[in-house]
Amino acid sequence: MKHFIYILTILIGTIAFGQNETLFEQGNDFYNKGDFEDAISKYESILKSGDHSAALYFNLANAHYKLNHIAPSIYYYEKALILSPNDKEIQNNIAFARNMTIDAIDQTPEIGFAKFSKNITNWLTFDNWAKLSVLLMILFVVFYLVYYFNYGATKKRLAFITAMTFLILACCAVALAFNNYNLIEKDHPAIVFAKESQVKSEPNLRSSESFKLHEGTKVQILDTVQNWKKIKLADGKTGWIPTEAIKAL
């Protein structure tokens, strides 16, 4: 019975994949003909099935861009970048989409040790830092055993220094892995979808207005209180915005 269920699951998955491939090709055909609304409908049908890919998000963003849908185009370009961060075509297209936004927000530059630490941390993913730390610990054990069972003074000293070096590097890799994990956990980006929205000083309508935001602007979600989100801009400004005004990535 288990084998039958397993085979059935594979069969259903194969059929669903084939259907999504057909929908993707149909969406591309509509896009090439200039029928961008129909293309979006086909692409969104794939998303509803739970199938996600950088190519799908990219094509969906392109279709929205052609219709001057600022917020959805940036949103889906951002989703594509998450899956394919080094894709030059996605980077170029999202730059064009961002030029359509109204809000001009200067990003606060990172300097000194904070910038250096972030660059090093993001050099590898959390999983890769963890794998590297395991490899370095194995090398530490190997060279420590060489040190322990070797009787030659020079070789023993060299093996000990090498073992300690790998141990220090392993500890650094572990620290960078956890730092990378913490950066990801604190990263809660969202895109403003409302044409214009007031950002309040407190999470209620009676509070004073801090500033206004327009569609397409990227923000960071810091906190949630009922139907309000506390957000932070790239320039460091913070405030509260209605939950329905933004869409989390």
C-alpha atoms as a PDB file:
ATOM      1  CA  MET A   1       0.000   0.000   0.000  1.00  0.00           C
ATOM      2  CA  LYS A   2       2.845   2.383   0.867  1.00  0.00           C
ATOM      3  CA  HIS A   3       4.488   1.702  -2.499  1.00  0.00           C
ATOM      4  CA  PHE A   4       1.208   2.461  -4.266  1.00  0.00           C
ATOM      5  CA  ILE A   5       0.833   5.803  -2.427  1.00  0.00           C
ATOM      6  CA  TYR A   6       4.465   6.662  -3.224  1.00  0.00           C
ATOM      7  CA  ILE A   7       3.971   5.913  -6.942  1.00  0.00           C
ATOM      8  CA  LEU A   8       0.699   7.861  -6.945  1.00  0.00           C
ATOM      9  CA  THR A   9       2.410  10.864  -5.337  1.00  0.00           C
ATOM     10  CA  ILE A  10       5.147  10.827  -7.990  1.00  0.00           C
ATOM     11  CA  LEU A  11       2.518  10.516 -10.745  1.00  0.00           C
ATOM     12  CA  ILE A  12       0.512  13.477  -9.397  1.00  0.00           C
ATOM     13  CA  GLY A  13       3.686  15.543  -9.082  1.00  0.00           C
ATOM     14  CA  THR A  14       4.677  14.724 -12.653  1.00  0.00           C
ATOM     15  CA  ILE A  15       1.242  15.678 -13.982  1.00  0.00           C
ATOM     16  CA  ALA A  16       1.274  18.951 -12.011  1.00  0.00           C
ATOM     17  CA  PHE A  17       4.754  19.757 -13.332  1.00  0.00           C
ATOM     18  CA  GLY A  18       3.600  19.127 -16.890  1.00  0.00           C
ATOM     19  CA  GLN A  19       0.552  21.352 -16.401  1.00  0.00           C
ATOM     20  CA  ASN A  20       2.685  24.156 -14.985  1.00  0.00           C
ATOM     21  CA  GLU A  21       5.094  23.888 -17.902  1.00  0.00           C
ATOM     22  CA  THR A  22       2.141  24.272 -20.270  1.00  0.00           C
ATOM     23  CA  LEU A  23       0.820  27.271 -18.323  1.00  0.00           C
ATOM     24  CA  PHE A  24       4.286  28.856 -18.345  1.00  0.00           C
ATOM     25  CA  GLU A  25       4.573  28.466 -22.122  1.00  0.00           C
ATOM     26  CA  GLN A  26       1.047  29.857 -22.585  1.00  0.00           C
ATOM     27  CA  GLY A  27       1.945  32.813 -20.387  1.00  0.00           C
ATOM     28  CA  ASN A  28       5.055  33.454 -22.460  1.00  0.00           C
ATOM     29  CA  ASP A  29       2.999  33.318 -25.649  1.00  0.00           C
ATOM     30  CA  PHE A  30       0.547  35.893 -24.285  1.00  0.00           C
ATOM     31  CA  TYR A  31       3.465  38.067 -23.175  1.00  0.00           C
ATOM     32  CA  ASN A  32       5.099  37.953 -26.605  1.00  0.00           C
ATOM     33  CA  LYS A  33       1.763  38.944 -28.181  1.00  0.00           C
ATOM     34  CA  GLY A  34       1.425  41.905 -25.813  1.00  0.00           C
ATOM     35  CA  ASP A  35      -1.471  40.359 -23.862  1.00  0.00           C
ATOM     36  CA  PHE A  36       0.128  41.099 -20.497  1.00  0.00           C
ATOM     37  CA  GLU A  37      -3.030  40.678 -18.394  1.00  0.00           C
ATOM     38  CA  ASP A  38      -3.555  37.159 -19.757  1.00  0.00           C
ATOM     39  CA  ALA A  39       0.132  36.397 -19.235  1.00  0.00           C
ATOM     40  CA  ILE A  40      -0.147  37.473 -15.583  1.00  0.00           C
ATOM     41  CA  SER A  41      -3.206  35.232 -15.162  1.00  0.00           C
ATOM     42  CA  LYS A  42      -1.276  32.192 -16.440  1.00  0.00           C
ATOM     43  CA  TYR A  43       1.782  32.921 -14.277  1.00  0.00           C
ATOM     44  CA  GLU A  44      -0.366  33.418 -11.177  1.00  0.00           C
ATOM     45  CA  SER A  45      -2.080  30.084 -11.820  1.00  0.00           C
ATOM     46  CA  ILE A  46       1.325  28.440 -11.486  1.00  0.00           C
ATOM     47  CA  LEU A  47       1.994  30.266  -8.210  1.00  0.00           C
ATOM     48  CA  LYS A  48      -1.337  29.068  -6.815  1.00  0.00           C
ATOM     49  CA  SER A  49      -0.218  25.482  -7.410  1.00  0.00           C
ATOM     50  CA  GLY A  50       2.757  26.098  -5.129  1.00  0.00           C
ATOM     51  CA  ASP A  51       5.392  26.118  -7.877  1.00  0.00           C
ATOM     52  CA  HIS A  52       7.950  28.915  -7.523  1.00  0.00           C
ATOM     53  CA  SER A  53      11.039  29.818  -9.541  1.00  0.00           C
ATOM     54  CA  ALA A  54      13.175  32.844 -10.360  1.00  0.00           C
ATOM     55  CA  ALA A  55      12.126  32.608 -14.021  1.00  0.00           C
ATOM     56  CA  LEU A  56       8.433  32.619 -13.092  1.00  0.00           C
ATOM     57  CA  TYR A  57       8.777  35.632 -10.786  1.00  0.00           C
ATOM     58  CA  PHE A  58      10.910  37.424 -13.379  1.00  0.00           C
ATOM     59  CA  ASN A  59       8.379  36.950 -16.173  1.00  0.00           C
ATOM     60  CA  LEU A  60       5.525  37.938 -13.865  1.00  0.00           C
ATOM     61  CA  ALA A  61       7.414  41.099 -12.877  1.00  0.00           C
ATOM     62  CA  ASN A  62       8.086  41.924 -16.539  1.00  0.00           C
ATOM     63  CA  ALA A  63       4.387  41.636 -17.374  1.00  0.00           C
ATOM     64  CA  HIS A  64       3.441  43.966 -14.503  1.00  0.00           C
ATOM     65  CA  TYR A  65       6.175  46.397 -15.561  1.00  0.00           C
ATOM     66  CA  LYS A  66       4.762  46.550 -19.080  1.00  0.00           C
ATOM     67  CA  LEU A  67       1.397  47.547 -17.563  1.00  0.00           C
ATOM     68  CA  ASN A  68       3.066  50.190 -15.331  1.00  0.00           C
ATOM     69  CA  HIS A  69       2.107  48.275 -12.194  1.00  0.00           C
ATOM     70  CA  ILE A  70       4.911  49.691 -10.062  1.00  0.00           C
ATOM     71  CA  ALA A  71       4.450  47.818  -6.784  1.00  0.00           C
ATOM     72  CA  PRO A  72       3.766  44.323  -8.231  1.00  0.00           C
ATOM     73  CA  SER A  73       6.669  44.588 -10.694  1.00  0.00           C
ATOM     74  CA  ILE A  74       9.152  45.512  -7.950  1.00  0.00           C
ATOM     75  CA  TYR A  75       7.657  42.907  -5.616  1.00  0.00           C
ATOM     76  CA  TYR A  76       8.143  40.054  -8.073  1.00  0.00           C
ATOM     77  CA  TYR A  77      11.587  41.269  -9.176  1.00  0.00           C
ATOM     78  CA  GLU A  78      12.562  41.174  -5.492  1.00  0.00           C
ATOM     79  CA  LYS A  79      11.165  37.635  -5.203  1.00  0.00           C
ATOM     80  CA  ALA A  80      13.194  36.622  -8.264  1.00  0.00           C
ATOM     81  CA  LEU A  81      16.347  38.153  -6.747  1.00  0.00           C
ATOM     82  CA  ILE A  82      15.886  36.144  -3.562  1.00  0.00           C
ATOM     83  CA  LEU A  83      16.041  32.935  -5.614  1.00  0.00           C
ATOM     84  CA  SER A  84      18.702  34.182  -8.045  1.00  0.00           C
ATOM     85  CA  PRO A  85      20.626  37.049  -6.377  1.00  0.00           C
ATOM     86  CA  ASN A  86      23.429  37.203  -8.962  1.00  0.00           C
ATOM     87  CA  ASP A  87      21.241  37.352 -12.074  1.00  0.00           C
ATOM     88  CA  LYS A  88      22.303  40.492 -13.970  1.00  0.00           C
ATOM     89  CA  GLU A  89      19.103  40.666 -16.031  1.00  0.00           C
ATOM     90  CA  ILE A  90      16.942  40.720 -12.901  1.00  0.00           C
ATOM     91  CA  GLN A  91      19.196  43.355 -11.342  1.00  0.00           C
ATOM     92  CA  ASN A  92      18.955  45.550 -14.440  1.00  0.00           C
ATOM     93  CA  ASN A  93      15.177  45.253 -14.728  1.00  0.00           C
ATOM     94  CA  ILE A  94      14.523  45.982 -11.063  1.00  0.00           C
ATOM     95  CA  ALA A  95      16.649  49.116 -11.388  1.00  0.00           C
ATOM     96  CA  PHE A  96      14.326  50.333 -14.178  1.00  0.00           C
ATOM     97  CA  ALA A  97      11.262  49.494 -12.065  1.00  0.00           C
ATOM     98  CA  ARG A  98      12.630  51.375  -9.062  1.00  0.00           C
ATOM     99  CA  ASN A  99      13.041  54.463 -11.229  1.00  0.00           C
ATOM    100  CA  MET A 100       9.239  54.609 -11.469  1.00  0.00           C
ATOM    101  CA  THR A 101       8.810  55.051  -7.703  1.00  0.00           C
ATOM    102  CA  ILE A 102       8.064  58.464  -6.211  1.00  0.00           C
ATOM    103  CA  ASP A 103       9.864  58.190  -2.876  1.00  0.00           C
ATOM    104  CA  ALA A 104      13.533  59.158  -3.032  1.00  0.00           C
ATOM    105  CA  ILE A 105      15.156  57.497  -0.026  1.00  0.00           C
ATOM    106  CA  ASP A 106      18.884  57.672   0.535  1.00  0.00           C
ATOM    107  CA  GLN A 107      20.341  54.534   2.034  1.00  0.00           C
ATOM    108  CA  THR A 108      22.377  55.024   5.192  1.00  0.00           C
ATOM    109  CA  PRO A 109      25.886  53.845   4.294  1.00  0.00           C
ATOM    110  CA  GLU A 110      27.565  51.201   6.414  1.00  0.00           C
ATOM    111  CA  ILE A 111      31.128  52.022   7.350  1.00  0.00           C
ATOM    112  CA  GLY A 112      34.029  50.557   9.249  1.00  0.00           C
ATOM    113  CA  PHE A 113      33.857  47.244  11.054  1.00  0.00           C
ATOM    114  CA  ALA A 114      30.068  46.879  10.619  1.00  0.00           C
ATOM    115  CA  LYS A 115      30.420  46.931   6.830  1.00  0.00           C
ATOM    116  CA  PHE A 116      33.423  44.580   6.885  1.00  0.00           C
ATOM    117  CA  SER A 117      31.636  42.143   9.214  1.00  0.00           C
ATOM    118  CA  LYS A 118      28.475  42.088   7.083  1.00  0.00           C
ATOM    119  CA  ASN A 119      30.451  41.533   3.872  1.00  0.00           C
ATOM    120  CA  ILE A 120      32.349  38.614   5.402  1.00  0.00           C
ATOM    121  CA  THR A 121      29.167  37.137   6.905  1.00  0.00           C
ATOM    122  CA  ASN A 122      27.335  37.250   3.578  1.00  0.00           C
ATOM    123  CA  TRP A 123      30.258  35.709   1.713  1.00  0.00           C
ATOM    124  CA  LEU A 124      28.673  32.282   2.370  1.00  0.00           C
ATOM    125  CA  THR A 125      25.189  31.126   3.335  1.00  0.00           C
ATOM    126  CA  PHE A 126      24.385  29.800   6.812  1.00  0.00           C
ATOM    127  CA  ASP A 127      24.480  26.193   5.561  1.00  0.00           C
ATOM    128  CA  ASN A 128      27.824  26.667   3.827  1.00  0.00           C
ATOM    129  CA  TRP A 129      29.382  28.315   6.888  1.00  0.00           C
ATOM    130  CA  ALA A 130      28.151  25.366   8.961  1.00  0.00           C
ATOM    131  CA  LYS A 131      29.622  22.845   6.482  1.00  0.00           C
ATOM    132  CA  LEU A 132      32.910  24.739   6.450  1.00  0.00           C
ATOM    133  CA  SER A 133      33.072  24.707  10.256  1.00  0.00           C
ATOM    134  CA  VAL A 134      32.552  20.914  10.276  1.00  0.00           C
ATOM    135  CA  LEU A 135      35.319  20.454   7.696  1.00  0.00           C
ATOM    136  CA  LEU A 136      37.691  22.662   9.706  1.00  0.00           C
ATOM    137  CA  MET A 137      36.927  20.711  12.891  1.00  0.00           C
ATOM    138  CA  ILE A 138      37.723  17.443  11.090  1.00  0.00           C
ATOM    139  CA  LEU A 139      41.057  18.923   9.964  1.00  0.00           C
ATOM    140  CA  PHE A 140      41.700  20.052  13.530  1.00  0.00           C
ATOM    141  CA  VAL A 141      41.143  16.503  14.824  1.00  0.00           C
ATOM    142  CA  VAL A 142      43.352  15.016  12.103  1.00  0.00           C
ATOM    143  CA  PHE A 143      46.283  17.339  12.810  1.00  0.00           C
ATOM    144  CA  TYR A 144      45.826  17.023  16.571  1.00  0.00           C
ATOM    145  CA  LEU A 145      46.131  13.241  16.197  1.00  0.00           C
ATOM    146  CA  VAL A 146      49.263  13.780  14.108  1.00  0.00           C
ATOM    147  CA  TYR A 147      50.612  15.995  16.904  1.00  0.00           C
ATOM    148  CA  TYR A 148      49.665  13.483  19.597  1.00  0.00           C
ATOM    149  CA  PHE A 149      51.221  10.422  17.959  1.00  0.00           C
ATOM    150  CA  ASN A 150      54.283  12.119  16.488  1.00  0.00           C
ATOM    151  CA  TYR A 151      57.557  12.087  18.428  1.00  0.00           C
ATOM    152  CA  GLY A 152      59.631  14.390  16.256  1.00  0.00           C
ATOM    153  CA  ALA A 153      59.858  17.834  17.901  1.00  0.00           C
ATOM    154  CA  THR A 154      59.665  19.849  14.668  1.00  0.00           C
ATOM    155  CA  LYS A 155      56.797  17.831  13.181  1.00  0.00           C
ATOM    156  CA  LYS A 156      55.012  17.809  16.526  1.00  0.00           C
ATOM    157  CA  ARG A 157      55.252  21.612  16.829  1.00  0.00           C
ATOM    158  CA  LEU A 158      54.120  22.125  13.214  1.00  0.00           C
ATOM    159  CA  ALA A 159      51.164  19.743  13.647  1.00  0.00           C
ATOM    160  CA  PHE A 160      50.116  21.503  16.874  1.00  0.00           C
ATOM    161  CA  ILE A 161      50.235  24.971  15.267  1.00  0.00           C
ATOM    162  CA  THR A 162      48.264  23.710  12.258  1.00  0.00           C
ATOM    163  CA  ALA A 163      45.684  22.010  14.502  1.00  0.00           C
ATOM    164  CA  MET A 164      45.200  25.176  16.574  1.00  0.00           C
ATOM    165  CA  THR A 165      44.870  27.247  13.399  1.00  0.00           C
ATOM    166  CA  PHE A 166      42.093  25.000  12.111  1.00  0.00           C
ATOM    167  CA  LEU A 167      40.390  25.125  15.522  1.00  0.00           C
ATOM    168  CA  ILE A 168      40.396  28.949  15.511  1.00  0.00           C
ATOM    169  CA  LEU A 169      39.115  29.021  11.931  1.00  0.00           C
ATOM    170  CA  ALA A 170      36.358  26.533  12.840  1.00  0.00           C
ATOM    171  CA  CYS A 171      35.252  28.742  15.737  1.00  0.00           C
ATOM    172  CA  CYS A 172      35.230  31.770  13.417  1.00  0.00           C
ATOM    173  CA  ALA A 173      33.143  29.838  10.864  1.00  0.00           C
ATOM    174  CA  VAL A 174      30.622  28.892  13.567  1.00  0.00           C
ATOM    175  CA  ALA A 175      30.398  32.522  14.704  1.00  0.00           C
ATOM    176  CA  LEU A 176      29.880  33.700  11.108  1.00  0.00           C
ATOM    177  CA  ALA A 177      27.220  31.020  10.563  1.00  0.00           C
ATOM    178  CA  PHE A 178      25.210  32.251  13.549  1.00  0.00           C
ATOM    179  CA  ASN A 179      25.755  35.881  12.534  1.00  0.00           C
ATOM    180  CA  ASN A 180      24.447  35.057   9.053  1.00  0.00           C
ATOM    181  CA  TYR A 181      21.443  33.313  10.604  1.00  0.00           C
ATOM    182  CA  ASN A 182      20.693  36.331  12.802  1.00  0.00           C
ATOM    183  CA  LEU A 183      20.896  38.696   9.823  1.00  0.00           C
ATOM    184  CA  ILE A 184      18.406  36.536   7.910  1.00  0.00           C
ATOM    185  CA  GLU A 185      16.077  36.302  10.931  1.00  0.00           C
ATOM    186  CA  LYS A 186      16.032  40.097  11.279  1.00  0.00           C
ATOM    187  CA  ASP A 187      15.474  40.645   7.568  1.00  0.00           C
ATOM    188  CA  HIS A 188      11.730  41.158   6.965  1.00  0.00           C
ATOM    189  CA  PRO A 189      11.421  43.196   3.755  1.00  0.00           C
ATOM    190  CA  ALA A 190       8.132  44.358   2.293  1.00  0.00           C
ATOM    191  CA  ILE A 191       6.914  46.470  -0.621  1.00  0.00           C
ATOM    192  CA  VAL A 192       4.401  49.300  -0.291  1.00  0.00           C
ATOM    193  CA  PHE A 193       1.367  48.461  -2.456  1.00  0.00           C
ATOM    194  CA  ALA A 194      -0.864  51.414  -1.549  1.00  0.00           C
ATOM    195  CA  LYS A 195      -0.755  54.294  -4.034  1.00  0.00           C
ATOM    196  CA  GLU A 196      -0.108  56.588  -1.079  1.00  0.00           C
ATOM    197  CA  SER A 197      -0.089  55.797   2.618  1.00  0.00           C
ATOM    198  CA  GLN A 198       0.417  57.855   5.749  1.00  0.00           C
ATOM    199  CA  VAL A 199       3.065  56.532   8.097  1.00  0.00           C
ATOM    200  CA  LYS A 200       2.063  57.285  11.683  1.00  0.00           C
ATOM    201  CA  SER A 201       4.170  57.911  14.772  1.00  0.00           C
ATOM    202  CA  GLU A 202       2.100  55.326  16.701  1.00  0.00           C
ATOM    203  CA  PRO A 203      -0.051  52.341  15.684  1.00  0.00           C
ATOM    204  CA  ASN A 204      -3.381  54.178  15.556  1.00  0.00           C
ATOM    205  CA  LEU A 205      -5.226  56.641  13.330  1.00  0.00           C
ATOM    206  CA  ARG A 206      -5.232  59.401  15.970  1.00  0.00           C
ATOM    207  CA  SER A 207      -1.433  59.690  16.079  1.00  0.00           C
ATOM    208  CA  SER A 208       0.480  62.274  14.104  1.00  0.00           C
ATOM    209  CA  GLU A 209       1.764  61.650  10.604  1.00  0.00           C
ATOM    210  CA  SER A 210       5.507  61.032  10.402  1.00  0.00           C
ATOM    211  CA  PHE A 211       5.770  60.919   6.608  1.00  0.00           C
ATOM    212  CA  LYS A 212       4.077  59.544   3.487  1.00  0.00           C
ATOM    213  CA  LEU A 213       5.069  56.583   1.351  1.00  0.00           C
ATOM    214  CA  HIS A 214       4.043  55.621  -2.166  1.00  0.00           C
ATOM    215  CA  GLU A 215       3.776  52.362  -4.069  1.00  0.00           C
ATOM    216  CA  GLY A 216       6.908  50.417  -4.851  1.00  0.00           C
ATOM    217  CA  THR A 217       8.994  51.596  -1.899  1.00  0.00           C
ATOM    218  CA  LYS A 218      10.865  48.854  -0.064  1.00  0.00           C
ATOM    219  CA  VAL A 219      10.711  48.812   3.737  1.00  0.00           C
ATOM    220  CA  GLN A 220      11.739  46.583   6.616  1.00  0.00           C
ATOM    221  CA  ILE A 221       9.074  45.256   9.007  1.00  0.00           C
ATOM    222  CA  LEU A 222      10.193  45.658  12.624  1.00  0.00           C
ATOM    223  CA  ASP A 223       7.065  44.915  14.632  1.00  0.00           C
ATOM    224  CA  THR A 224       3.339  44.163  14.417  1.00  0.00           C
ATOM    225  CA  VAL A 225       0.519  45.552  16.571  1.00  0.00           C
ATOM    226  CA  GLN A 226      -2.933  44.377  15.502  1.00  0.00           C
ATOM    227  CA  ASN A 227      -3.441  45.699  11.945  1.00  0.00           C
ATOM    228  CA  TRP A 228      -0.374  47.955  12.020  1.00  0.00           C
ATOM    229  CA  LYS A 229       3.233  47.283  11.018  1.00  0.00           C
ATOM    230  CA  LYS A 230       6.217  49.171  12.353  1.00  0.00           C
ATOM    231  CA  ILE A 231       8.540  49.785   9.421  1.00  0.00           C
ATOM    232  CA  LYS A 232      12.021  51.127   8.845  1.00  0.00           C
ATOM    233  CA  LEU A 233      13.295  52.835   5.710  1.00  0.00           C
ATOM    234  CA  ALA A 234      16.755  52.537   4.180  1.00  0.00           C
ATOM    235  CA  ASP A 235      17.627  55.984   5.576  1.00  0.00           C
ATOM    236  CA  GLY A 236      16.779  54.877   9.139  1.00  0.00           C
ATOM    237  CA  LYS A 237      13.372  56.555   9.549  1.00  0.00           C
ATOM    238  CA  THR A 238      10.696  54.492  11.302  1.00  0.00           C
ATOM    239  CA  GLY A 239       6.936  54.649  11.686  1.00  0.00           C
ATOM    240  CA  TRP A 240       3.687  52.686  11.670  1.00  0.00           C
ATOM    241  CA  ILE A 241       1.759  51.805   8.512  1.00  0.00           C
ATOM    242  CA  PRO A 242      -1.517  49.884   8.025  1.00  0.00           C
ATOM    243  CA  THR A 243      -0.878  46.193   7.332  1.00  0.00           C
ATOM    244  CA  GLU A 244      -2.947  46.252   4.122  1.00  0.00           C
ATOM    245  CA  ALA A 245      -0.733  49.006   2.666  1.00  0.00           C
ATOM    246  CA  ILE A 246       2.295  46.725   2.322  1.00  0.00           C
ATOM    247  CA  LYS A 247       3.060  43.197   1.157  1.00  0.00           C
ATOM    248  CA  ALA A 248       5.799  41.193   2.826  1.00  0.00           C
ATOM    249  CA  LEU A 249       8.412  39.462   0.707  1.00  0.00           C
END
